[in-house]
Amino acid sequence: MSIPLEFTPAEVKARSPQEKQLYTDFLKCGEPLKSMFENNPWLLPPDLKKPLEWGTGRYWDTTVARKHEYWKKFDLPEATKDIDEMRRNLREWGFCLIEDGMSQAQCNRFRLRLLEQAEGERMAGMQQPTPSGQYVNTLVNKGKIFAQCIEQNPEAVQAGPLIEQIMDETLGKGWICHSFLSNGADPGGYPQGLHIDQGPLLPWLTQEAPALFNTMYIPQDVNDENGSTLVIPGSHKVMAEAGSGGIIGKLPPAVNLEARAGTIILFDGRLLHGTGVNRTDERRFVATMSNVKAWMRSQENWVLSVSPEVLESASPKLLHRMGFQALVYGGTVEGFGLGARGRIDEPWGSLKQFRQAYDEGHYTRVGELSAQSTKAELKRDYTLRFAMKNARDARKADS
């Protein structure tokens, strides 16, 4: 078949110099993060190959608001049960703290199940380590209490009705859960780079309201010693004011959040934040449920609807186009794909193997585990274990 010259790859490339392309300059502008780091070099993430620097003014070298030389003069959010105060704090600072969002009994049950699961996954060799600490993914499969948290069921979250009201006001009714996982800060770990959770939209920035909104469950006391979440209060407004592709100037310092066990923190998806540094001898866990507007997913649920025959013969490009290639911000399965870039044929994000295991009737999900799990339970043929091995083997083959 003869293809017109205008449609050949070589001719298309020749007719597509940078200055003629439609939106490439905007999409590749790197803003607002480019200017943010240029004007605030202290925000650059640490070098994971070197010990952490202290005493040089880097973002992780900070404390809680009441002890911070800059922030102690501001009336930053404190834990409250007053919904009007929460609204004021969310507008002004981008976050609020719900006092006793979980009762003591709810908090204890949440924390015990989380710690048991983390240890069980470690013993099974399926833990997900990060430079900050262990993550526990897909919490919905790992205890009834976590499913109840997604529902904001008062049996697990006594502040559930209040949280749902604020969610409806922020994202509109019909919002959905984007992810629910536990973020660990292990002793001796590194801080996360400060980021905004609706980063996948960049360089677009929603100015009037967030497109993503977080609920963070605090099952143990958190502070500047055990790696509590770092935030730059009010940075959500800085991002909104900069606008899509805009410039970020100098920012105020970061500060560690301080909260008692049972507190629930709500925060705007445009707020700069990240895991802090744990300088104690004990692990610290929180759990974050990210929520998005109802339409923020593919119209066609390809991962479920594509036929086994098409899946079997699909090229890497077709798999990618149908969403079978996960990346940090979307499409992960049981945490598999976190850290991937969403590139065509990238082993760490390949979801085809999960769907094939499902079609063949032997997809085994990681459920509830603990240190008391039997050897048989720890050694089961979990599909996640198989996928992780494939990704590691591919990485070794490439190196």
Protein backbone atom coordinates (compact mmCIF):
# COMPACT_ATOMS: atom_id res chain seq x y z
CA MET A 1 0.00 0.00 0.00
CA SER A 2 1.34 3.40 -0.98
CA ILE A 3 1.16 5.94 1.85
CA PRO A 4 0.96 9.64 0.92
CA LEU A 5 4.25 11.41 1.58
CA GLU A 6 2.58 13.80 4.06
CA PHE A 7 1.70 10.88 6.35
CA THR A 8 5.12 9.24 6.56
CA PRO A 9 6.97 9.50 9.90
CA ALA A 10 9.96 11.22 8.30
CA GLU A 11 7.82 13.88 6.61
CA VAL A 12 5.70 14.47 9.71
CA LYS A 13 8.87 14.96 11.76
CA ALA A 14 10.33 17.32 9.16
CA ARG A 15 7.14 19.41 9.23
CA SER A 16 7.05 19.59 13.05
CA PRO A 17 9.81 21.91 14.29
CA GLN A 18 9.43 23.12 17.87
CA GLU A 19 8.22 26.59 16.89
CA LYS A 20 5.28 25.17 14.90
CA GLN A 21 4.00 22.72 17.48
CA LEU A 22 0.69 23.54 19.16
CA TYR A 23 1.13 23.46 22.94
CA THR A 24 4.56 21.90 23.41
CA ASP A 25 6.11 25.01 24.96
CA PHE A 26 3.39 25.13 27.59
CA LEU A 27 3.36 21.41 28.32
CA LYS A 28 7.15 21.33 28.70
CA CYS A 29 7.52 24.60 30.60
CA GLY A 30 8.18 22.77 33.87
CA GLU A 31 6.16 25.31 35.83
CA PRO A 32 5.41 26.00 38.56
CA LEU A 33 8.10 23.62 39.88
CA LYS A 34 10.93 25.06 37.75
CA SER A 35 10.66 28.56 39.22
CA MET A 36 9.83 27.17 42.67
CA PHE A 37 13.21 25.43 42.90
CA GLU A 38 15.08 28.28 41.21
CA ASN A 39 13.75 30.80 43.74
CA ASN A 40 13.81 28.42 46.70
CA PRO A 41 16.89 26.18 46.35
CA TRP A 42 16.41 25.01 49.95
CA LEU A 43 13.42 23.02 48.62
CA LEU A 44 15.58 20.73 46.46
CA PRO A 45 15.23 17.07 47.54
CA PRO A 46 18.19 15.45 49.31
CA ASP A 47 20.83 13.34 47.58
CA LEU A 48 19.89 9.80 48.61
CA LYS A 49 23.51 8.72 48.20
CA LYS A 50 24.68 11.13 50.89
CA PRO A 51 23.85 11.64 54.57
CA LEU A 52 21.18 14.23 55.29
CA GLU A 53 22.43 17.76 55.81
CA TRP A 54 21.41 19.54 58.99
CA GLY A 55 21.94 23.14 60.00
CA THR A 56 21.89 24.47 56.43
CA GLY A 57 18.26 25.57 56.23
CA ARG A 58 16.92 22.72 54.09
CA TYR A 59 13.18 22.10 54.15
CA TRP A 60 13.32 19.04 56.41
CA ASP A 61 15.44 20.85 59.02
CA THR A 62 12.49 22.39 60.82
CA THR A 63 10.12 21.95 63.74
CA VAL A 64 6.46 22.30 64.70
CA ALA A 65 4.71 25.66 64.39
CA ARG A 66 4.65 26.56 68.10
CA LYS A 67 8.46 26.26 68.24
CA HIS A 68 9.25 27.72 64.81
CA GLU A 69 10.81 31.19 64.82
CA TYR A 70 8.87 32.22 61.71
CA TRP A 71 5.54 30.42 62.19
CA LYS A 72 4.96 30.80 65.94
CA LYS A 73 3.58 34.32 65.42
CA PHE A 74 0.83 33.03 63.11
CA ASP A 75 -2.48 31.49 64.17
CA LEU A 76 -2.03 28.25 62.27
CA PRO A 77 -4.72 25.55 62.41
CA GLU A 78 -5.21 23.68 65.66
CA ALA A 79 -7.29 20.57 66.24
CA THR A 80 -10.98 21.43 66.48
CA LYS A 81 -14.46 19.95 66.22
CA ASP A 82 -15.90 23.20 64.82
CA ILE A 83 -16.71 22.80 61.11
CA ASP A 84 -16.72 26.57 60.52
CA GLU A 85 -13.22 26.87 61.91
CA MET A 86 -12.17 23.99 59.63
CA ARG A 87 -13.56 25.85 56.63
CA ARG A 88 -11.64 28.99 57.60
CA ASN A 89 -8.43 27.02 58.02
CA LEU A 90 -8.83 25.25 54.69
CA ARG A 91 -9.37 28.52 52.85
CA GLU A 92 -6.51 30.35 54.56
CA TRP A 93 -3.90 27.65 55.16
CA GLY A 94 -4.88 24.70 52.95
CA PHE A 95 -5.35 22.23 55.80
CA CYS A 96 -7.31 21.65 58.97
CA LEU A 97 -7.10 19.25 61.93
CA ILE A 98 -10.17 17.38 63.14
CA GLU A 99 -9.91 16.78 66.87
CA ASP A 100 -10.83 13.20 67.87
CA GLY A 101 -11.83 12.37 64.31
CA MET A 102 -11.39 8.78 65.43
CA SER A 103 -12.29 7.72 68.96
CA GLN A 104 -9.58 6.13 71.06
CA ALA A 105 -11.02 2.66 70.38
CA GLN A 106 -11.25 3.35 66.63
CA CYS A 107 -7.72 4.72 66.60
CA ASN A 108 -6.31 1.73 68.48
CA ARG A 109 -8.02 -0.71 66.11
CA PHE A 110 -6.77 1.21 63.07
CA ARG A 111 -3.17 1.37 64.29
CA LEU A 112 -3.01 -2.28 65.40
CA ARG A 113 -4.29 -3.58 62.06
CA LEU A 114 -1.89 -1.30 60.17
CA LEU A 115 1.17 -2.35 62.18
CA GLU A 116 0.23 -6.03 61.88
CA GLN A 117 -0.17 -5.69 58.12
CA ALA A 118 3.14 -3.88 57.69
CA GLU A 119 4.98 -6.60 59.61
CA GLY A 120 3.18 -9.39 57.75
CA GLU A 121 4.10 -7.92 54.36
CA ARG A 122 7.71 -7.53 55.51
CA MET A 123 7.86 -11.16 56.61
CA ALA A 124 6.29 -12.26 53.30
CA GLY A 125 8.96 -10.32 51.39
CA MET A 126 6.39 -8.09 49.69
CA GLN A 127 6.90 -4.85 51.56
CA GLN A 128 7.28 -1.69 49.53
CA PRO A 129 10.25 0.23 50.86
CA THR A 130 10.73 3.89 49.97
CA PRO A 131 13.54 6.26 51.00
CA SER A 132 11.21 7.54 53.75
CA GLY A 133 9.87 4.21 55.00
CA GLN A 134 7.56 1.31 54.26
CA TYR A 135 4.30 1.84 52.39
CA VAL A 136 1.26 -0.39 52.85
CA ASN A 137 -0.89 -0.24 49.72
CA THR A 138 -4.47 -1.13 48.77
CA LEU A 139 -5.68 -0.87 52.36
CA VAL A 140 -9.22 -1.76 51.29
CA ASN A 141 -8.14 -5.43 51.09
CA LYS A 142 -6.37 -5.45 54.43
CA GLY A 143 -8.99 -4.95 57.09
CA LYS A 144 -12.66 -4.09 57.43
CA ILE A 145 -11.79 -0.85 59.22
CA PHE A 146 -10.05 0.49 56.11
CA ALA A 147 -13.06 -0.14 53.89
CA GLN A 148 -15.17 1.64 56.50
CA CYS A 149 -12.76 4.60 56.35
CA ILE A 150 -13.32 4.90 52.60
CA GLU A 151 -17.06 4.95 53.32
CA GLN A 152 -16.52 7.47 56.17
CA ASN A 153 -18.56 5.03 58.24
CA PRO A 154 -19.02 6.36 61.82
CA GLU A 155 -18.29 2.84 63.10
CA ALA A 156 -14.67 3.44 62.10
CA VAL A 157 -14.51 7.23 61.78
CA GLN A 158 -16.72 9.08 64.20
CA ALA A 159 -16.20 12.33 62.28
CA GLY A 160 -17.32 10.65 59.03
CA PRO A 161 -20.46 12.76 58.39
CA LEU A 162 -18.53 15.99 58.92
CA ILE A 163 -15.74 14.86 56.57
CA GLU A 164 -18.26 13.94 53.87
CA GLN A 165 -19.85 17.39 54.11
CA ILE A 166 -16.50 19.13 53.58
CA MET A 167 -15.68 16.75 50.71
CA ASP A 168 -19.00 17.53 49.00
CA GLU A 169 -18.33 21.25 49.34
CA THR A 170 -14.78 20.92 47.99
CA LEU A 171 -15.02 18.36 45.18
CA GLY A 172 -18.75 18.27 44.52
CA LYS A 173 -21.05 15.37 45.24
CA GLY A 174 -20.06 12.08 43.65
CA TRP A 175 -16.34 12.38 44.44
CA ILE A 176 -14.41 9.12 44.43
CA CYS A 177 -11.45 7.64 46.30
CA HIS A 178 -8.29 8.01 44.22
CA SER A 179 -6.12 5.88 46.53
CA PHE A 180 -5.84 4.78 50.15
CA LEU A 181 -2.43 3.76 51.43
CA SER A 182 -0.24 4.07 54.49
CA ASN A 183 2.86 6.25 54.43
CA GLY A 184 5.66 5.13 56.74
CA ALA A 185 8.54 7.12 58.16
CA ASP A 186 11.23 4.72 59.35
CA PRO A 187 14.10 5.68 61.69
CA GLY A 188 17.02 6.94 59.63
CA GLY A 189 14.91 7.50 56.50
CA TYR A 190 14.97 10.45 54.13
CA PRO A 191 12.29 13.12 53.72
CA GLN A 192 10.00 13.14 50.71
CA GLY A 193 10.48 15.96 48.28
CA LEU A 194 7.79 18.55 48.90
CA HIS A 195 5.09 18.18 46.27
CA ILE A 196 1.44 18.82 45.48
CA ASP A 197 -0.82 15.79 45.13
CA GLN A 198 -2.67 17.11 42.10
CA GLY A 199 0.68 17.28 40.35
CA PRO A 200 -0.50 15.13 37.40
CA LEU A 201 -2.44 18.17 36.18
CA LEU A 202 0.67 20.35 35.94
CA PRO A 203 1.36 22.73 34.29
CA TRP A 204 -2.38 23.38 34.71
CA LEU A 205 -3.36 24.65 38.14
CA THR A 206 -6.94 24.88 39.32
CA GLN A 207 -7.32 28.35 40.78
CA GLU A 208 -10.78 28.42 42.33
CA ALA A 209 -10.78 25.06 44.13
CA PRO A 210 -8.73 21.86 44.31
CA ALA A 211 -9.36 18.92 41.98
CA LEU A 212 -7.94 16.53 44.60
CA PHE A 213 -8.48 16.59 48.34
CA ASN A 214 -6.89 14.45 51.05
CA THR A 215 -8.00 12.81 54.28
CA MET A 216 -5.06 11.77 56.46
CA TYR A 217 -5.63 9.43 59.39
CA ILE A 218 -3.24 9.88 62.32
CA PRO A 219 -3.19 6.65 64.39
CA GLN A 220 -0.32 7.75 66.68
CA ASP A 221 1.06 11.03 68.00
CA VAL A 222 3.11 12.80 65.31
CA ASN A 223 5.62 15.62 65.71
CA ASP A 224 8.95 16.98 64.53
CA GLU A 225 10.83 14.06 66.13
CA ASN A 226 9.11 11.11 64.46
CA GLY A 227 8.82 12.41 60.91
CA SER A 228 5.42 14.05 60.86
CA THR A 229 4.20 15.51 57.59
CA LEU A 230 5.96 18.65 56.39
CA VAL A 231 3.81 21.43 54.95
CA ILE A 232 4.21 25.00 53.76
CA PRO A 233 1.04 26.60 55.18
CA GLY A 234 -0.86 28.66 52.63
CA SER A 235 1.11 27.31 49.67
CA HIS A 236 -2.14 26.18 48.04
CA LYS A 237 -2.99 29.88 47.54
CA VAL A 238 0.46 30.60 46.14
CA MET A 239 -0.06 27.84 43.58
CA ALA A 240 -3.55 29.06 42.69
CA GLU A 241 -2.42 32.67 42.35
CA ALA A 242 0.47 31.66 40.08
CA GLY A 243 -2.03 30.02 37.73
CA SER A 244 -1.42 27.53 34.96
CA GLY A 245 2.19 27.64 33.82
CA GLY A 246 2.82 30.47 36.27
CA ILE A 247 5.90 31.47 38.25
CA ILE A 248 6.47 30.77 41.94
CA GLY A 249 8.56 33.29 43.88
CA LYS A 250 10.09 32.96 47.33
CA LEU A 251 8.17 30.75 49.73
CA PRO A 252 7.99 30.74 53.53
CA PRO A 253 9.66 27.83 55.37
CA ALA A 254 8.21 24.37 55.84
CA VAL A 255 6.94 23.22 59.21
CA ASN A 256 6.15 19.84 60.78
CA LEU A 257 2.51 19.16 61.58
CA GLU A 258 1.82 18.26 65.20
CA ALA A 259 -1.16 16.10 66.07
CA ARG A 260 -2.35 13.62 68.66
CA ALA A 261 -3.45 10.09 67.85
CA GLY A 262 -7.02 10.05 66.54
CA THR A 263 -6.67 13.38 64.72
CA ILE A 264 -7.72 13.48 61.08
CA ILE A 265 -6.07 16.03 58.83
CA LEU A 266 -7.83 17.33 55.73
CA PHE A 267 -5.68 19.11 53.17
CA ASP A 268 -5.92 20.71 49.76
CA GLY A 269 -4.37 18.87 46.80
CA ARG A 270 -2.44 22.04 45.91
CA LEU A 271 -0.69 22.27 49.30
CA LEU A 272 3.08 21.65 49.28
CA HIS A 273 3.78 18.79 51.65
CA GLY A 274 5.84 15.62 52.18
CA THR A 275 6.96 13.04 54.73
CA GLY A 276 9.38 14.35 57.35
CA VAL A 277 12.49 12.76 58.91
CA ASN A 278 12.02 10.24 61.70
CA ARG A 279 14.72 10.80 64.32
CA THR A 280 13.30 8.35 66.88
CA ASP A 281 13.81 4.59 67.25
CA GLU A 282 10.21 3.69 66.40
CA ARG A 283 8.38 3.50 63.08
CA ARG A 284 5.74 6.10 62.35
CA PHE A 285 2.70 5.44 60.17
CA VAL A 286 -0.09 7.62 58.88
CA ALA A 287 -2.62 6.69 56.19
CA THR A 288 -3.70 8.97 53.36
CA MET A 289 -6.94 8.71 51.41
CA SER A 290 -6.81 10.86 48.29
CA ASN A 291 -10.13 11.83 46.72
CA VAL A 292 -10.89 13.32 43.31
CA LYS A 293 -13.78 14.65 41.28
CA ALA A 294 -16.07 11.95 39.91
CA TRP A 295 -15.02 12.36 36.25
CA MET A 296 -11.29 11.94 36.87
CA ARG A 297 -10.93 8.45 35.38
CA SER A 298 -11.03 6.97 31.89
CA GLN A 299 -14.47 6.84 30.26
CA GLU A 300 -13.88 3.25 29.18
CA ASN A 301 -12.64 0.90 31.91
CA TRP A 302 -10.18 -0.82 29.57
CA VAL A 303 -8.48 -2.95 32.21
CA LEU A 304 -11.77 -4.76 32.77
CA SER A 305 -13.47 -4.57 29.38
CA VAL A 306 -10.78 -5.55 26.85
CA SER A 307 -11.10 -9.20 25.75
CA PRO A 308 -8.46 -11.81 26.69
CA GLU A 309 -7.76 -12.39 22.97
CA VAL A 310 -7.02 -8.72 22.31
CA LEU A 311 -4.97 -8.51 25.50
CA GLU A 312 -2.84 -11.52 24.55
CA SER A 313 -1.81 -10.10 21.17
CA ALA A 314 -1.68 -6.42 22.15
CA SER A 315 1.46 -4.49 21.32
CA PRO A 316 3.24 -2.52 24.06
CA LYS A 317 1.82 0.66 22.51
CA LEU A 318 -1.76 -0.65 22.56
CA LEU A 319 -1.38 -1.82 26.16
CA HIS A 320 -0.13 1.64 27.08
CA ARG A 321 -2.99 3.38 25.31
CA MET A 322 -5.54 1.21 27.15
CA GLY A 323 -4.11 2.03 30.58
CA PHE A 324 -2.24 -1.22 31.20
CA GLN A 325 0.90 0.74 32.04
CA ALA A 326 0.76 2.14 35.56
CA LEU A 327 2.68 5.13 36.86
CA VAL A 328 3.12 6.90 40.17
CA TYR A 329 -0.10 8.88 39.84
CA GLY A 330 -2.48 6.34 38.39
CA GLY A 331 -3.47 2.81 37.51
CA THR A 332 -1.41 1.04 40.17
CA VAL A 333 -2.48 -2.44 41.32
CA GLU A 334 -1.76 -3.30 44.96
CA GLY A 335 0.92 -0.60 44.86
CA PHE A 336 2.61 -2.13 41.80
CA GLY A 337 3.50 0.78 39.53
CA LEU A 338 4.38 3.29 42.24
CA GLY A 339 7.71 4.67 41.06
CA ALA A 340 6.99 3.89 37.39
CA ARG A 341 6.94 6.67 34.80
CA GLY A 342 4.08 5.34 32.69
CA ARG A 343 6.30 4.67 29.66
CA ILE A 344 5.53 2.12 26.95
CA ASP A 345 6.74 -1.39 27.88
CA GLU A 346 8.11 -0.32 31.27
CA PRO A 347 8.39 -3.56 33.35
CA TRP A 348 7.67 -1.99 36.74
CA GLY A 349 4.31 -0.66 35.56
CA SER A 350 3.07 -3.59 33.44
CA LEU A 351 -0.48 -4.51 34.51
CA LYS A 352 -1.12 -7.14 31.84
CA GLN A 353 0.07 -9.91 34.15
CA PHE A 354 -2.54 -9.03 36.79
CA ARG A 355 -5.40 -9.13 34.30
CA GLN A 356 -4.14 -12.41 32.78
CA ALA A 357 -3.92 -14.00 36.22
CA TYR A 358 -7.49 -12.87 36.82
CA ASP A 359 -8.72 -14.30 33.51
CA GLU A 360 -6.99 -17.61 34.25
CA GLY A 361 -8.61 -17.82 37.67
CA HIS A 362 -5.48 -17.62 39.82
CA TYR A 363 -5.15 -13.95 40.69
CA THR A 364 -4.24 -14.01 44.39
CA ARG A 365 -4.46 -10.65 46.14
CA VAL A 366 -2.53 -9.74 49.27
CA GLY A 367 -5.06 -9.73 52.09
CA GLU A 368 -4.70 -9.43 55.84
CA LEU A 369 -1.25 -10.48 57.08
CA SER A 370 0.61 -10.16 60.37
CA ALA A 371 3.57 -11.60 62.25
CA GLN A 372 1.21 -14.39 63.34
CA SER A 373 0.40 -15.44 59.77
CA THR A 374 1.33 -19.04 58.96
CA LYS A 375 4.25 -19.88 56.68
CA ALA A 376 1.73 -21.07 54.09
CA GLU A 377 -0.05 -17.70 54.20
CA LEU A 378 3.22 -15.79 53.88
CA LYS A 379 4.46 -17.97 51.00
CA ARG A 380 1.26 -18.05 48.92
CA ASP A 381 1.56 -17.45 45.18
CA TYR A 382 0.52 -13.83 45.42
CA THR A 383 0.25 -12.27 41.98
CA LEU A 384 1.98 -9.18 43.34
CA ARG A 385 5.01 -11.29 44.30
CA PHE A 386 5.16 -12.67 40.74
CA ALA A 387 4.89 -9.17 39.24
CA MET A 388 7.62 -7.78 41.50
CA LYS A 389 9.94 -10.64 40.55
CA ASN A 390 9.34 -10.03 36.84
CA ALA A 391 10.14 -6.33 37.27
CA ARG A 392 13.33 -7.05 39.21
CA ASP A 393 14.46 -9.63 36.64
CA ALA A 394 13.87 -7.16 33.81
CA ARG A 395 15.84 -4.49 35.68
CA LYS A 396 18.77 -6.89 36.14
CA ALA A 397 18.68 -7.87 32.47
CA ASP A 398 18.90 -4.22 31.43
CA SER A 399 21.78 -3.40 33.76
